[in-house]
Amino acid sequence: MPSIQEAWLKIKNWTDIAVGEWGLVAIVFLIGLASFGLGRLSVLESVRPPVSITEAPALTEPRGMSIGGLIVASRGGSAYYFPWCASASKIAPQNQIWFASEEKARAAGYAPAKNCKGLEK
């Protein structure tokens, strides 16, 4: 079994021979191939049509906020939300209770939601 140093010398000699005889040819071939590929890519860029936005699509159903108050809570829940909080949109319309202020919601026994930013805790 040859030692690591002998194996390394064989590999080094083989690479020296391969690069010496075929190295220049391989380098020229790879540069030509890369140039051809870059040329093809530049042609694809010039063929692609420019992006233009002429009219923004309108929403099919506009989502308006209810004007029932500033604070909304669920009849079966214990927390109140601003109408734009994600959890407020999950409350069914028939279960919504609207309050004019946070103080009125607290007086009714509701606490501020922890996942709705901006509510007093």
Protein backbone atom coordinates (compact mmCIF):
# COMPACT_ATOMS: atom_id res chain seq x y z
CA MET A 1 0.00 0.00 0.00
CA PRO A 2 1.54 3.33 -1.05
CA SER A 3 1.97 6.05 1.51
CA ILE A 4 0.05 9.31 1.41
CA GLN A 5 3.11 11.18 0.17
CA GLU A 6 3.61 8.74 -2.74
CA ALA A 7 -0.08 8.98 -3.70
CA TRP A 8 0.13 12.78 -3.54
CA LEU A 9 3.17 12.81 -5.82
CA LYS A 10 1.39 10.57 -8.36
CA ILE A 11 -1.64 12.87 -8.36
CA LYS A 12 0.57 15.95 -8.66
CA ASN A 13 2.51 14.45 -11.58
CA TRP A 14 -0.74 13.48 -13.33
CA THR A 15 -2.20 17.01 -12.91
CA ASP A 16 1.05 18.59 -14.15
CA ILE A 17 0.92 16.44 -17.28
CA ALA A 18 -2.80 17.05 -17.84
CA VAL A 19 -2.56 20.80 -17.35
CA GLY A 20 0.65 21.01 -19.32
CA GLU A 21 -0.74 19.24 -22.38
CA TRP A 22 -4.46 20.00 -22.20
CA GLY A 23 -4.70 22.87 -19.75
CA LEU A 24 -4.44 25.68 -22.26
CA VAL A 25 -6.96 24.00 -24.55
CA ALA A 26 -9.38 23.46 -21.67
CA ILE A 27 -9.07 27.08 -20.50
CA VAL A 28 -9.71 28.44 -24.00
CA PHE A 29 -12.68 26.09 -24.42
CA LEU A 30 -14.21 27.11 -21.04
CA ILE A 31 -13.77 30.82 -21.78
CA GLY A 32 -15.44 30.38 -25.18
CA LEU A 33 -18.31 28.43 -23.61
CA ALA A 34 -18.82 31.08 -20.93
CA SER A 35 -18.79 33.88 -23.53
CA PHE A 36 -21.35 32.05 -25.63
CA GLY A 37 -23.59 31.56 -22.58
CA LEU A 38 -23.36 35.22 -21.61
CA GLY A 39 -24.23 36.23 -25.16
CA ARG A 40 -27.33 34.03 -25.09
CA LEU A 41 -28.41 35.58 -21.79
CA SER A 42 -28.07 39.11 -23.14
CA VAL A 43 -30.31 38.20 -26.11
CA LEU A 44 -32.98 36.91 -23.74
CA GLU A 45 -32.92 40.18 -21.78
CA SER A 46 -33.49 42.29 -24.89
CA VAL A 47 -36.41 40.10 -26.04
CA ARG A 48 -38.31 40.32 -22.74
CA PRO A 49 -41.08 42.97 -22.91
CA PRO A 50 -40.89 45.80 -20.38
CA VAL A 51 -43.24 45.67 -17.43
CA SER A 52 -45.91 48.34 -17.32
CA ILE A 53 -48.85 48.82 -15.02
CA THR A 54 -51.70 50.65 -16.67
CA GLU A 55 -54.47 50.21 -14.14
CA ALA A 56 -54.48 48.73 -10.67
CA PRO A 57 -57.11 46.01 -10.21
CA ALA A 58 -60.06 47.01 -8.06
CA LEU A 59 -61.17 44.88 -5.15
CA THR A 60 -64.29 42.89 -5.87
CA GLU A 61 -65.66 43.50 -2.39
CA PRO A 62 -64.39 46.55 -0.55
CA ARG A 63 -63.75 45.85 3.10
CA GLY A 64 -65.11 48.71 5.13
CA MET A 65 -64.95 49.13 8.88
CA SER A 66 -68.12 49.03 10.88
CA ILE A 67 -69.15 52.35 12.26
CA GLY A 68 -70.61 50.81 15.40
CA GLY A 69 -67.86 52.24 17.60
CA LEU A 70 -64.14 52.39 18.18
CA ILE A 71 -63.79 49.15 20.12
CA VAL A 72 -65.24 45.73 19.30
CA ALA A 73 -65.63 42.65 21.48
CA SER A 74 -67.28 39.27 21.20
CA ARG A 75 -70.36 38.44 23.24
CA GLY A 76 -68.79 35.18 24.43
CA GLY A 77 -65.25 36.55 24.80
CA SER A 78 -63.38 38.45 27.46
CA ALA A 79 -61.16 40.74 25.34
CA TYR A 80 -61.81 43.85 23.26
CA TYR A 81 -60.04 44.87 20.06
CA PHE A 82 -59.60 47.72 17.64
CA PRO A 83 -61.66 46.99 14.49
CA TRP A 84 -58.50 46.61 12.35
CA CYS A 85 -56.88 43.94 14.56
CA ALA A 86 -56.68 40.49 13.00
CA SER A 87 -58.66 38.82 15.77
CA ALA A 88 -61.49 41.34 15.45
CA SER A 89 -62.15 40.25 11.87
CA LYS A 90 -62.76 36.69 13.12
CA ILE A 91 -65.73 37.73 15.30
CA ALA A 92 -69.02 36.87 13.60
CA PRO A 93 -71.19 39.96 12.96
CA GLN A 94 -74.01 38.65 15.13
CA ASN A 95 -71.60 38.22 18.07
CA GLN A 96 -70.00 41.68 17.85
CA ILE A 97 -70.50 44.22 20.62
CA TRP A 98 -69.33 47.77 19.87
CA PHE A 99 -68.14 50.31 22.43
CA ALA A 100 -67.41 54.00 22.02
CA SER A 101 -64.24 53.86 24.16
CA GLU A 102 -61.90 51.53 26.00
CA GLU A 103 -63.31 52.74 29.31
CA LYS A 104 -66.81 51.59 28.36
CA ALA A 105 -65.48 48.20 27.25
CA ARG A 106 -63.67 47.79 30.59
CA ALA A 107 -66.80 48.84 32.46
CA ALA A 108 -68.65 46.05 30.65
CA GLY A 109 -66.06 43.53 31.94
CA TYR A 110 -63.79 43.19 28.93
CA ALA A 111 -59.97 43.34 29.06
CA PRO A 112 -57.64 44.62 26.30
CA ALA A 113 -56.47 41.98 23.84
CA LYS A 114 -52.81 41.04 24.17
CA ASN A 115 -52.27 40.59 20.43
CA CYS A 116 -53.76 43.95 19.37
CA LYS A 117 -51.10 46.66 19.50
CA GLY A 118 -52.03 50.06 20.85
CA LEU A 119 -54.53 48.98 23.48
CA GLU A 120 -53.90 50.06 27.05
CA LYS A 121 -53.01 47.14 29.24
